[in-house]
């Protein structure tokens, strides 16, 4: 199987390459920009499968499809949330939210291998996609949660939540009053419901509220440790693959 990776962050590309190798998939070709990718496709046989980052250093990766009639299957790798991806009218196999998880990657690869081998052209509505990314659709985000406390229901306002985290297959909201409440939704399900200017997913395990951040400290392997105003039960570490996006989010 011929597989390539298109990703502008070279450490992320190499990490994905290693993860694929563990699944017996060799991605020898790695491209890092729209311009480089277009030139490569013009001079090489198209691969069976592309792992494609949406945002590249010199533009959106959709511009590649605008210039080249791509006939490969595509798995997108992206920091965009599920709500945005639902608006992409395309023939993709799957998408993976960064930082990419081993099990999610394995599932996406299995899904690809389970398809018929017939190659299909990827079709995109570029105007819809570009308008979405430049002018996001106005929408309402979660303002409060209702949680069960004994035999009672309690309302928690979103601004009172310092972080949301997963533990032992449960999802919890940690509040500024020092309480933790079990939520009904998973972190993945909350992806489209939390206001992105306020909450950021720093790792597979944690969302943090920007208004609750007290301090940020350099951590091992080019990561960051987040300290919140009240929550201190666990270390909150920004995954290395998310540090750049996290810093951009802070600004």
C-alpha atoms as a PDB file:
ATOM      1  CA  UNK A   1       0.000   0.000   0.000  1.00  0.00           C
ATOM      2  CA  UNK A   2       1.313   3.432  -0.970  1.00  0.00           C
ATOM      3  CA  UNK A   3       0.751   5.938   1.857  1.00  0.00           C
ATOM      4  CA  UNK A   4       1.894   9.560   2.212  1.00  0.00           C
ATOM      5  CA  UNK A   5       1.667  12.148   4.990  1.00  0.00           C
ATOM      6  CA  UNK A   6       1.009  15.845   4.341  1.00  0.00           C
ATOM      7  CA  UNK A   7       1.729  17.769   7.564  1.00  0.00           C
ATOM      8  CA  UNK A   8       3.532  21.101   8.013  1.00  0.00           C
ATOM      9  CA  UNK A   9       4.842  20.320  11.508  1.00  0.00           C
ATOM     10  CA  UNK A  10       7.712  17.911  10.907  1.00  0.00           C
ATOM     11  CA  UNK A  11       7.775  16.439  14.462  1.00  0.00           C
ATOM     12  CA  UNK A  12       4.054  15.630  14.127  1.00  0.00           C
ATOM     13  CA  UNK A  13       4.666  14.082  10.711  1.00  0.00           C
ATOM     14  CA  UNK A  14       7.464  11.881  12.063  1.00  0.00           C
ATOM     15  CA  UNK A  15       5.334  10.842  15.043  1.00  0.00           C
ATOM     16  CA  UNK A  16       2.484   9.821  12.731  1.00  0.00           C
ATOM     17  CA  UNK A  17       4.976   7.954  10.547  1.00  0.00           C
ATOM     18  CA  UNK A  18       6.143   5.956  13.598  1.00  0.00           C
ATOM     19  CA  UNK A  19       2.554   5.250  14.657  1.00  0.00           C
ATOM     20  CA  UNK A  20       1.722   3.973  11.178  1.00  0.00           C
ATOM     21  CA  UNK A  21       4.814   1.777  11.134  1.00  0.00           C
ATOM     22  CA  UNK A  22       3.548   0.118  14.318  1.00  0.00           C
ATOM     23  CA  UNK A  23       0.432  -0.762  12.280  1.00  0.00           C
ATOM     24  CA  UNK A  24       2.582  -2.218   9.465  1.00  0.00           C
ATOM     25  CA  UNK A  25       2.008   0.788   7.194  1.00  0.00           C
ATOM     26  CA  UNK A  26       5.038   2.538   5.709  1.00  0.00           C
ATOM     27  CA  UNK A  27       4.656   6.220   4.828  1.00  0.00           C
ATOM     28  CA  UNK A  28       8.000   7.018   3.236  1.00  0.00           C
ATOM     29  CA  UNK A  29       6.867  10.286   1.600  1.00  0.00           C
ATOM     30  CA  UNK A  30       6.157  13.276   3.839  1.00  0.00           C
ATOM     31  CA  UNK A  31       5.132  16.641   2.373  1.00  0.00           C
ATOM     32  CA  UNK A  32       4.921  19.868   4.357  1.00  0.00           C
ATOM     33  CA  UNK A  33       3.160  22.558   2.312  1.00  0.00           C
ATOM     34  CA  UNK A  34       0.491  23.161  -0.318  1.00  0.00           C
ATOM     35  CA  UNK A  35       3.116  24.175  -2.893  1.00  0.00           C
ATOM     36  CA  UNK A  36       5.318  21.141  -2.250  1.00  0.00           C
ATOM     37  CA  UNK A  37       2.315  18.802  -2.370  1.00  0.00           C
ATOM     38  CA  UNK A  38       1.010  20.142  -5.690  1.00  0.00           C
ATOM     39  CA  UNK A  39       4.462  19.755  -7.247  1.00  0.00           C
ATOM     40  CA  UNK A  40       4.747  16.197  -5.905  1.00  0.00           C
ATOM     41  CA  UNK A  41       1.338  15.115  -7.243  1.00  0.00           C
ATOM     42  CA  UNK A  42       2.180  16.550 -10.655  1.00  0.00           C
ATOM     43  CA  UNK A  43       5.221  14.298 -10.917  1.00  0.00           C
ATOM     44  CA  UNK A  44       4.330  11.127  -9.014  1.00  0.00           C
ATOM     45  CA  UNK A  45       1.749   8.367  -9.066  1.00  0.00           C
ATOM     46  CA  UNK A  46      -1.031   9.160  -6.620  1.00  0.00           C
ATOM     47  CA  UNK A  47      -0.947   7.038  -3.437  1.00  0.00           C
ATOM     48  CA  UNK A  48      -3.633   4.723  -2.132  1.00  0.00           C
ATOM     49  CA  UNK A  49      -4.074   6.746   1.048  1.00  0.00           C
ATOM     50  CA  UNK A  50      -3.202  10.277   2.220  1.00  0.00           C
ATOM     51  CA  UNK A  51      -2.991  11.462   5.830  1.00  0.00           C
ATOM     52  CA  UNK A  52      -3.694  15.149   5.365  1.00  0.00           C
ATOM     53  CA  UNK A  53      -3.495  18.066   7.787  1.00  0.00           C
ATOM     54  CA  UNK A  54      -6.136  20.702   7.024  1.00  0.00           C
ATOM     55  CA  UNK A  55      -4.035  23.753   7.929  1.00  0.00           C
ATOM     56  CA  UNK A  56      -0.605  23.864   6.287  1.00  0.00           C
ATOM     57  CA  UNK A  57       2.073  26.536   6.568  1.00  0.00           C
ATOM     58  CA  UNK A  58       1.163  28.182   3.250  1.00  0.00           C
ATOM     59  CA  UNK A  59      -2.607  27.702   3.227  1.00  0.00           C
ATOM     60  CA  UNK A  60      -5.458  25.228   3.577  1.00  0.00           C
ATOM     61  CA  UNK A  61      -4.751  21.757   2.239  1.00  0.00           C
ATOM     62  CA  UNK A  62      -8.009  21.887   0.244  1.00  0.00           C
ATOM     63  CA  UNK A  63      -6.123  24.084  -2.215  1.00  0.00           C
ATOM     64  CA  UNK A  64      -4.247  20.953  -3.292  1.00  0.00           C
ATOM     65  CA  UNK A  65      -7.524  19.442  -4.524  1.00  0.00           C
ATOM     66  CA  UNK A  66      -8.303  22.704  -6.303  1.00  0.00           C
ATOM     67  CA  UNK A  67      -5.153  22.300  -8.382  1.00  0.00           C
ATOM     68  CA  UNK A  68      -4.940  18.504  -8.730  1.00  0.00           C
ATOM     69  CA  UNK A  69      -7.567  15.840  -9.396  1.00  0.00           C
ATOM     70  CA  UNK A  70      -6.722  13.647  -6.418  1.00  0.00           C
ATOM     71  CA  UNK A  71      -7.859  10.039  -6.706  1.00  0.00           C
ATOM     72  CA  UNK A  72      -6.560   8.827  -3.351  1.00  0.00           C
ATOM     73  CA  UNK A  73      -8.485   8.042  -0.198  1.00  0.00           C
ATOM     74  CA  UNK A  74      -7.999  10.672   2.512  1.00  0.00           C
ATOM     75  CA  UNK A  75      -7.847  10.614   6.298  1.00  0.00           C
ATOM     76  CA  UNK A  76      -7.749  14.154   7.637  1.00  0.00           C
ATOM     77  CA  UNK A  77      -5.721  15.093  10.694  1.00  0.00           C
ATOM     78  CA  UNK A  78      -6.964  18.284  12.260  1.00  0.00           C
ATOM     79  CA  UNK A  79      -7.442  20.451  15.310  1.00  0.00           C
ATOM     80  CA  UNK A  80     -10.847  21.596  13.995  1.00  0.00           C
ATOM     81  CA  UNK A  81     -13.806  20.255  15.931  1.00  0.00           C
ATOM     82  CA  UNK A  82     -16.387  17.784  14.734  1.00  0.00           C
ATOM     83  CA  UNK A  83     -18.975  20.516  14.183  1.00  0.00           C
ATOM     84  CA  UNK A  84     -16.774  22.218  11.591  1.00  0.00           C
ATOM     85  CA  UNK A  85     -15.893  18.948   9.882  1.00  0.00           C
ATOM     86  CA  UNK A  86     -19.560  18.134   9.372  1.00  0.00           C
ATOM     87  CA  UNK A  87     -19.710  21.054   6.946  1.00  0.00           C
ATOM     88  CA  UNK A  88     -16.942  19.675   4.732  1.00  0.00           C
ATOM     89  CA  UNK A  89     -18.686  18.129   1.734  1.00  0.00           C
ATOM     90  CA  UNK A  90     -16.038  15.636   0.808  1.00  0.00           C
ATOM     91  CA  UNK A  91     -15.399  11.975   0.162  1.00  0.00           C
ATOM     92  CA  UNK A  92     -12.986  11.308   2.997  1.00  0.00           C
ATOM     93  CA  UNK A  93     -12.424   8.033   4.834  1.00  0.00           C
ATOM     94  CA  UNK A  94     -12.161   9.502   8.293  1.00  0.00           C
ATOM     95  CA  UNK A  95     -10.628  12.282  10.333  1.00  0.00           C
ATOM     96  CA  UNK A  96      -8.407  12.290  13.404  1.00  0.00           C
ATOM     97  CA  UNK A  97      -8.382  15.056  15.994  1.00  0.00           C
ATOM     98  CA  UNK A  98      -4.947  16.160  17.157  1.00  0.00           C
ATOM     99  CA  UNK A  99      -3.134  15.033  19.200  1.00  0.00           C
ATOM    100  CA  UNK A 100      -3.672  11.730  17.404  1.00  0.00           C
ATOM    101  CA  UNK A 101      -4.455   8.791  19.652  1.00  0.00           C
ATOM    102  CA  UNK A 102      -3.117   5.291  18.891  1.00  0.00           C
ATOM    103  CA  UNK A 103      -6.526   3.644  19.126  1.00  0.00           C
ATOM    104  CA  UNK A 104      -8.199   6.316  16.972  1.00  0.00           C
ATOM    105  CA  UNK A 105      -5.531   5.849  14.312  1.00  0.00           C
ATOM    106  CA  UNK A 106      -5.922   2.073  14.418  1.00  0.00           C
ATOM    107  CA  UNK A 107      -9.704   2.411  13.995  1.00  0.00           C
ATOM    108  CA  UNK A 108      -9.317   4.786  11.037  1.00  0.00           C
ATOM    109  CA  UNK A 109      -6.834   2.450   9.323  1.00  0.00           C
ATOM    110  CA  UNK A 110      -9.107  -0.545   9.862  1.00  0.00           C
ATOM    111  CA  UNK A 111     -12.011   1.443   8.432  1.00  0.00           C
ATOM    112  CA  UNK A 112      -9.935   2.232   5.341  1.00  0.00           C
ATOM    113  CA  UNK A 113      -8.807  -1.363   4.883  1.00  0.00           C
ATOM    114  CA  UNK A 114     -12.404  -2.539   5.179  1.00  0.00           C
ATOM    115  CA  UNK A 115     -13.469  -0.505   2.164  1.00  0.00           C
ATOM    116  CA  UNK A 116     -13.544  -1.739  -1.389  1.00  0.00           C
ATOM    117  CA  UNK A 117     -10.200  -1.128  -3.099  1.00  0.00           C
ATOM    118  CA  UNK A 118     -11.785   1.031  -5.783  1.00  0.00           C
ATOM    119  CA  UNK A 119     -10.239   4.485  -5.799  1.00  0.00           C
ATOM    120  CA  UNK A 120     -12.532   7.456  -5.878  1.00  0.00           C
ATOM    121  CA  UNK A 121     -11.941  11.097  -6.571  1.00  0.00           C
ATOM    122  CA  UNK A 122     -12.272  13.498  -3.637  1.00  0.00           C
ATOM    123  CA  UNK A 123     -14.831  16.217  -4.319  1.00  0.00           C
ATOM    124  CA  UNK A 124     -15.007  19.418  -2.308  1.00  0.00           C
ATOM    125  CA  UNK A 125     -17.241  22.464  -2.146  1.00  0.00           C
ATOM    126  CA  UNK A 126     -14.427  24.975  -1.732  1.00  0.00           C
ATOM    127  CA  UNK A 127     -16.627  28.022  -1.218  1.00  0.00           C
ATOM    128  CA  UNK A 128     -18.526  26.399   1.661  1.00  0.00           C
ATOM    129  CA  UNK A 129     -15.305  25.242   3.306  1.00  0.00           C
ATOM    130  CA  UNK A 130     -13.437  28.524   2.972  1.00  0.00           C
ATOM    131  CA  UNK A 131     -16.427  30.539   4.158  1.00  0.00           C
ATOM    132  CA  UNK A 132     -16.753  28.253   7.161  1.00  0.00           C
ATOM    133  CA  UNK A 133     -13.107  28.596   8.169  1.00  0.00           C
ATOM    134  CA  UNK A 134     -12.892  32.343   7.547  1.00  0.00           C
ATOM    135  CA  UNK A 135     -16.357  33.228   8.844  1.00  0.00           C
ATOM    136  CA  UNK A 136     -17.456  30.522  11.288  1.00  0.00           C
ATOM    137  CA  UNK A 137     -21.192  29.929  11.525  1.00  0.00           C
ATOM    138  CA  UNK A 138     -22.872  31.758  14.401  1.00  0.00           C
ATOM    139  CA  UNK A 139     -24.002  29.223  16.949  1.00  0.00           C
ATOM    140  CA  UNK A 140     -24.950  28.789  20.562  1.00  0.00           C
ATOM    141  CA  UNK A 141     -22.498  27.029  22.865  1.00  0.00           C
ATOM    142  CA  UNK A 142     -23.184  25.277  26.141  1.00  0.00           C
ATOM    143  CA  UNK A 143     -24.089  27.726  28.927  1.00  0.00           C
ATOM    144  CA  UNK A 144     -24.701  25.280  31.770  1.00  0.00           C
ATOM    145  CA  UNK A 145     -24.798  21.609  32.759  1.00  0.00           C
ATOM    146  CA  UNK A 146     -27.394  19.813  34.845  1.00  0.00           C
ATOM    147  CA  UNK A 147     -25.796  17.211  37.102  1.00  0.00           C
ATOM    148  CA  UNK A 148     -27.208  14.708  39.540  1.00  0.00           C
ATOM    149  CA  UNK A 149     -26.259  15.121  43.187  1.00  0.00           C
ATOM    150  CA  UNK A 150     -27.865  12.361  45.226  1.00  0.00           C
ATOM    151  CA  UNK A 151     -31.585  12.612  44.483  1.00  0.00           C
ATOM    152  CA  UNK A 152     -31.283  16.215  43.309  1.00  0.00           C
ATOM    153  CA  UNK A 153     -30.385  17.976  40.070  1.00  0.00           C
ATOM    154  CA  UNK A 154     -27.936  20.851  40.242  1.00  0.00           C
ATOM    155  CA  UNK A 155     -27.213  23.465  37.571  1.00  0.00           C
ATOM    156  CA  UNK A 156     -23.579  24.406  36.966  1.00  0.00           C
ATOM    157  CA  UNK A 157     -22.881  27.532  34.937  1.00  0.00           C
ATOM    158  CA  UNK A 158     -20.163  27.096  32.330  1.00  0.00           C
ATOM    159  CA  UNK A 159     -18.170  30.067  33.660  1.00  0.00           C
ATOM    160  CA  UNK A 160     -17.857  28.287  37.034  1.00  0.00           C
ATOM    161  CA  UNK A 161     -16.049  25.303  35.484  1.00  0.00           C
ATOM    162  CA  UNK A 162     -12.245  25.418  35.644  1.00  0.00           C
ATOM    163  CA  UNK A 163     -11.652  22.232  33.666  1.00  0.00           C
ATOM    164  CA  UNK A 164     -13.396  19.164  32.314  1.00  0.00           C
ATOM    165  CA  UNK A 165     -11.519  15.887  32.474  1.00  0.00           C
ATOM    166  CA  UNK A 166     -11.920  12.150  31.969  1.00  0.00           C
ATOM    167  CA  UNK A 167     -11.093   9.561  34.614  1.00  0.00           C
ATOM    168  CA  UNK A 168     -11.977   5.870  34.906  1.00  0.00           C
ATOM    169  CA  UNK A 169     -14.318   6.087  31.877  1.00  0.00           C
ATOM    170  CA  UNK A 170     -16.196   9.024  33.430  1.00  0.00           C
ATOM    171  CA  UNK A 171     -16.230  12.729  32.510  1.00  0.00           C
ATOM    172  CA  UNK A 172     -16.049  15.304  35.300  1.00  0.00           C
ATOM    173  CA  UNK A 173     -16.433  19.062  35.601  1.00  0.00           C
ATOM    174  CA  UNK A 174     -14.180  20.661  38.227  1.00  0.00           C
ATOM    175  CA  UNK A 175     -15.634  23.929  39.500  1.00  0.00           C
ATOM    176  CA  UNK A 176     -14.133  27.050  41.035  1.00  0.00           C
ATOM    177  CA  UNK A 177     -15.684  26.062  44.382  1.00  0.00           C
ATOM    178  CA  UNK A 178     -13.533  22.923  44.478  1.00  0.00           C
ATOM    179  CA  UNK A 179     -16.230  20.385  43.598  1.00  0.00           C
ATOM    180  CA  UNK A 180     -16.134  17.697  40.896  1.00  0.00           C
ATOM    181  CA  UNK A 181     -19.355  16.678  39.159  1.00  0.00           C
ATOM    182  CA  UNK A 182     -19.967  13.678  36.908  1.00  0.00           C
ATOM    183  CA  UNK A 183     -21.262  14.646  33.447  1.00  0.00           C
ATOM    184  CA  UNK A 184     -23.282  12.524  31.049  1.00  0.00           C
ATOM    185  CA  UNK A 185     -21.234  13.360  27.934  1.00  0.00           C
ATOM    186  CA  UNK A 186     -17.757  12.221  26.889  1.00  0.00           C
ATOM    187  CA  UNK A 187     -14.979  14.702  26.062  1.00  0.00           C
ATOM    188  CA  UNK A 188     -15.388  13.902  22.372  1.00  0.00           C
ATOM    189  CA  UNK A 189     -19.120  14.616  22.550  1.00  0.00           C
ATOM    190  CA  UNK A 190     -18.423  17.961  24.229  1.00  0.00           C
ATOM    191  CA  UNK A 191     -16.074  18.996  21.411  1.00  0.00           C
ATOM    192  CA  UNK A 192     -18.818  20.838  19.520  1.00  0.00           C
ATOM    193  CA  UNK A 193     -20.594  22.208  22.618  1.00  0.00           C
ATOM    194  CA  UNK A 194     -17.821  24.144  24.375  1.00  0.00           C
ATOM    195  CA  UNK A 195     -17.015  27.666  23.230  1.00  0.00           C
ATOM    196  CA  UNK A 196     -13.570  27.409  21.583  1.00  0.00           C
ATOM    197  CA  UNK A 197     -12.487  30.874  22.750  1.00  0.00           C
ATOM    198  CA  UNK A 198     -13.004  29.781  26.369  1.00  0.00           C
ATOM    199  CA  UNK A 199     -12.191  26.045  26.482  1.00  0.00           C
ATOM    200  CA  UNK A 200      -9.178  24.315  24.939  1.00  0.00           C
ATOM    201  CA  UNK A 201      -8.465  20.597  24.830  1.00  0.00           C
ATOM    202  CA  UNK A 202      -4.875  20.447  26.024  1.00  0.00           C
ATOM    203  CA  UNK A 203      -4.712  16.625  25.881  1.00  0.00           C
ATOM    204  CA  UNK A 204      -6.865  13.564  25.405  1.00  0.00           C
ATOM    205  CA  UNK A 205      -7.861  13.915  29.053  1.00  0.00           C
ATOM    206  CA  UNK A 206      -8.382  17.631  29.766  1.00  0.00           C
ATOM    207  CA  UNK A 207     -10.242  20.727  28.620  1.00  0.00           C
ATOM    208  CA  UNK A 208      -9.212  23.908  30.446  1.00  0.00           C
ATOM    209  CA  UNK A 209     -11.038  27.212  30.874  1.00  0.00           C
ATOM    210  CA  UNK A 210      -8.798  30.129  29.867  1.00  0.00           C
ATOM    211  CA  UNK A 211     -10.244  32.231  32.692  1.00  0.00           C
ATOM    212  CA  UNK A 212      -9.140  29.671  35.294  1.00  0.00           C
ATOM    213  CA  UNK A 213      -5.455  29.508  34.304  1.00  0.00           C
ATOM    214  CA  UNK A 214      -3.216  30.743  37.124  1.00  0.00           C
ATOM    215  CA  UNK A 215       0.194  29.778  35.774  1.00  0.00           C
ATOM    216  CA  UNK A 216       1.949  27.936  32.931  1.00  0.00           C
ATOM    217  CA  UNK A 217       5.283  26.199  33.467  1.00  0.00           C
ATOM    218  CA  UNK A 218       7.717  24.547  31.063  1.00  0.00           C
ATOM    219  CA  UNK A 219       7.568  20.764  31.364  1.00  0.00           C
ATOM    220  CA  UNK A 220       9.602  17.829  30.044  1.00  0.00           C
ATOM    221  CA  UNK A 221       9.719  16.979  26.314  1.00  0.00           C
ATOM    222  CA  UNK A 222       8.755  20.504  25.166  1.00  0.00           C
ATOM    223  CA  UNK A 223       5.394  20.320  26.960  1.00  0.00           C
ATOM    224  CA  UNK A 224       3.647  22.784  29.286  1.00  0.00           C
ATOM    225  CA  UNK A 225       2.105  22.268  32.695  1.00  0.00           C
ATOM    226  CA  UNK A 226      -1.058  24.247  33.469  1.00  0.00           C
ATOM    227  CA  UNK A 227      -1.907  25.383  36.981  1.00  0.00           C
ATOM    228  CA  UNK A 228      -5.499  26.429  37.636  1.00  0.00           C
ATOM    229  CA  UNK A 229      -6.907  28.683  40.356  1.00  0.00           C
ATOM    230  CA  UNK A 230      -8.465  25.869  42.391  1.00  0.00           C
ATOM    231  CA  UNK A 231      -8.108  22.457  40.726  1.00  0.00           C
ATOM    232  CA  UNK A 232      -4.914  20.715  41.846  1.00  0.00           C
ATOM    233  CA  UNK A 233      -5.892  17.045  42.104  1.00  0.00           C
ATOM    234  CA  UNK A 234      -3.986  16.042  38.958  1.00  0.00           C
ATOM    235  CA  UNK A 235      -1.232  17.470  36.779  1.00  0.00           C
ATOM    236  CA  UNK A 236      -2.610  19.137  33.660  1.00  0.00           C
ATOM    237  CA  UNK A 237      -0.061  18.760  30.860  1.00  0.00           C
ATOM    238  CA  UNK A 238      -0.396  20.247  27.385  1.00  0.00           C
ATOM    239  CA  UNK A 239       0.476  17.469  24.919  1.00  0.00           C
ATOM    240  CA  UNK A 240       3.563  18.280  22.867  1.00  0.00           C
ATOM    241  CA  UNK A 241       1.572  18.177  19.617  1.00  0.00           C
ATOM    242  CA  UNK A 242      -0.868  20.749  21.040  1.00  0.00           C
ATOM    243  CA  UNK A 243       1.595  23.281  22.476  1.00  0.00           C
ATOM    244  CA  UNK A 244       1.748  25.423  19.331  1.00  0.00           C
ATOM    245  CA  UNK A 245      -2.048  25.523  18.966  1.00  0.00           C
ATOM    246  CA  UNK A 246      -2.410  26.195  22.683  1.00  0.00           C
ATOM    247  CA  UNK A 247      -0.087  29.205  22.524  1.00  0.00           C
ATOM    248  CA  UNK A 248      -2.010  30.554  19.547  1.00  0.00           C
ATOM    249  CA  UNK A 249      -5.284  30.021  21.432  1.00  0.00           C
ATOM    250  CA  UNK A 250      -3.985  32.048  24.396  1.00  0.00           C
ATOM    251  CA  UNK A 251      -3.544  35.074  22.150  1.00  0.00           C
END
